[in-house]
Amino acid sequence: YQKSFEGTLRIQGTMITSDVLNPQTDYFDIATIIFTNSTDTVTYYNFTGVYQNVRFSWGNTSGNTGRIDKILYRH
């Protein structure tokens, strides 16, 4: 769910099973989604794979004050 968001959403995963993760090196990109329209819409993205942990990160386009309001993840 996005609220006037323009920018990039990254879906990342890891195969590390340890509780001690190094976020800089243990995660890899599963997908990168670029949002170019500043709207309030629901966008979905399907991906498959076997991952121990999944995380999401985003960055706004310069000057954009929109946000990612909510991410629903079903595994």
C-alpha atoms as a PDB file:
ATOM      1  CA  TYR A   1       0.000   0.000   0.000  1.00  0.00           C
ATOM      2  CA  GLN A   2       1.560   3.278  -1.063  1.00  0.00           C
ATOM      3  CA  LYS A   3       0.660   6.831  -0.163  1.00  0.00           C
ATOM      4  CA  SER A   4       1.901   9.174  -2.902  1.00  0.00           C
ATOM      5  CA  PHE A   5       5.148   7.174  -3.029  1.00  0.00           C
ATOM      6  CA  GLU A   6       7.675   7.527  -5.821  1.00  0.00           C
ATOM      7  CA  GLY A   7      10.863   5.553  -5.466  1.00  0.00           C
ATOM      8  CA  THR A   8      12.292   2.058  -5.249  1.00  0.00           C
ATOM      9  CA  LEU A   9      11.175  -0.931  -3.182  1.00  0.00           C
ATOM     10  CA  ARG A  10      13.685  -3.753  -2.713  1.00  0.00           C
ATOM     11  CA  ILE A  11      12.748  -7.265  -1.639  1.00  0.00           C
ATOM     12  CA  GLN A  12      15.719  -9.073  -0.142  1.00  0.00           C
ATOM     13  CA  GLY A  13      16.277 -12.577   1.202  1.00  0.00           C
ATOM     14  CA  THR A  14      18.920 -14.635   2.951  1.00  0.00           C
ATOM     15  CA  MET A  15      19.709 -18.302   3.378  1.00  0.00           C
ATOM     16  CA  ILE A  16      21.595 -17.760   6.660  1.00  0.00           C
ATOM     17  CA  THR A  17      19.892 -19.664   9.482  1.00  0.00           C
ATOM     18  CA  SER A  18      21.914 -18.129  12.316  1.00  0.00           C
ATOM     19  CA  ASP A  19      20.406 -15.551  14.666  1.00  0.00           C
ATOM     20  CA  VAL A  20      23.460 -13.363  14.036  1.00  0.00           C
ATOM     21  CA  LEU A  21      23.100 -11.824  10.602  1.00  0.00           C
ATOM     22  CA  ASN A  22      25.299  -9.267   8.909  1.00  0.00           C
ATOM     23  CA  PRO A  23      22.712  -7.169   7.050  1.00  0.00           C
ATOM     24  CA  GLN A  24      25.308  -5.715   4.693  1.00  0.00           C
ATOM     25  CA  THR A  25      26.538  -9.047   3.290  1.00  0.00           C
ATOM     26  CA  ASP A  26      24.078 -11.820   4.134  1.00  0.00           C
ATOM     27  CA  TYR A  27      21.069 -10.498   2.186  1.00  0.00           C
ATOM     28  CA  PHE A  28      20.681 -10.521  -1.592  1.00  0.00           C
ATOM     29  CA  ASP A  29      18.126  -8.834  -3.851  1.00  0.00           C
ATOM     30  CA  ILE A  30      15.135 -10.929  -4.870  1.00  0.00           C
ATOM     31  CA  ALA A  31      13.433  -8.092  -6.756  1.00  0.00           C
ATOM     32  CA  THR A  32      13.603  -4.328  -7.239  1.00  0.00           C
ATOM     33  CA  ILE A  33      10.337  -2.523  -7.991  1.00  0.00           C
ATOM     34  CA  ILE A  34      10.363   1.083  -9.212  1.00  0.00           C
ATOM     35  CA  PHE A  35       7.319   3.279  -8.612  1.00  0.00           C
ATOM     36  CA  THR A  36       7.107   6.308 -10.913  1.00  0.00           C
ATOM     37  CA  ASN A  37       3.522   7.480 -10.353  1.00  0.00           C
ATOM     38  CA  SER A  38       2.720   9.296  -7.140  1.00  0.00           C
ATOM     39  CA  THR A  39      -0.635   7.656  -6.393  1.00  0.00           C
ATOM     40  CA  ASP A  40      -2.443   5.950  -3.527  1.00  0.00           C
ATOM     41  CA  THR A  41      -2.719   2.442  -4.905  1.00  0.00           C
ATOM     42  CA  VAL A  42      -2.274  -1.158  -3.901  1.00  0.00           C
ATOM     43  CA  THR A  43       0.465  -2.906  -5.856  1.00  0.00           C
ATOM     44  CA  TYR A  44       1.235  -6.605  -5.658  1.00  0.00           C
ATOM     45  CA  TYR A  45       4.333  -8.568  -6.561  1.00  0.00           C
ATOM     46  CA  ASN A  46       4.694 -12.351  -6.511  1.00  0.00           C
ATOM     47  CA  PHE A  47       8.003 -14.110  -5.999  1.00  0.00           C
ATOM     48  CA  THR A  48       8.968 -17.677  -5.194  1.00  0.00           C
ATOM     49  CA  GLY A  49      11.953 -19.233  -3.507  1.00  0.00           C
ATOM     50  CA  VAL A  50      13.184 -20.784  -0.305  1.00  0.00           C
ATOM     51  CA  TYR A  51      14.534 -18.162   2.101  1.00  0.00           C
ATOM     52  CA  GLN A  52      15.287 -18.231   5.814  1.00  0.00           C
ATOM     53  CA  ASN A  53      14.501 -14.518   6.194  1.00  0.00           C
ATOM     54  CA  VAL A  54      12.941 -11.873   3.959  1.00  0.00           C
ATOM     55  CA  ARG A  55      13.126  -8.105   4.387  1.00  0.00           C
ATOM     56  CA  PHE A  56      11.904  -5.035   2.539  1.00  0.00           C
ATOM     57  CA  SER A  57      13.647  -1.685   2.085  1.00  0.00           C
ATOM     58  CA  TRP A  58      12.696   1.441   0.159  1.00  0.00           C
ATOM     59  CA  GLY A  59      14.021   4.796  -0.858  1.00  0.00           C
ATOM     60  CA  ASN A  60      12.088   7.826  -2.024  1.00  0.00           C
ATOM     61  CA  THR A  61      12.865   9.652  -5.233  1.00  0.00           C
ATOM     62  CA  SER A  62      14.550  12.978  -4.512  1.00  0.00           C
ATOM     63  CA  GLY A  63      11.964  15.497  -3.332  1.00  0.00           C
ATOM     64  CA  ASN A  64       9.179  12.939  -2.886  1.00  0.00           C
ATOM     65  CA  THR A  65       7.550  12.882   0.549  1.00  0.00           C
ATOM     66  CA  GLY A  66       5.307   9.868  -0.082  1.00  0.00           C
ATOM     67  CA  ARG A  67       5.630   6.649   1.855  1.00  0.00           C
ATOM     68  CA  ILE A  68       5.009   2.942   1.854  1.00  0.00           C
ATOM     69  CA  ASP A  69       2.078   2.694   4.237  1.00  0.00           C
ATOM     70  CA  LYS A  70       1.906  -1.060   4.644  1.00  0.00           C
ATOM     71  CA  ILE A  71       3.449  -4.268   3.283  1.00  0.00           C
ATOM     72  CA  LEU A  72       1.558  -7.525   3.514  1.00  0.00           C
ATOM     73  CA  TYR A  73       3.766 -10.610   3.226  1.00  0.00           C
ATOM     74  CA  ARG A  74       2.320 -14.089   3.012  1.00  0.00           C
ATOM     75  CA  HIS A  75       4.565 -17.123   3.041  1.00  0.00           C
END
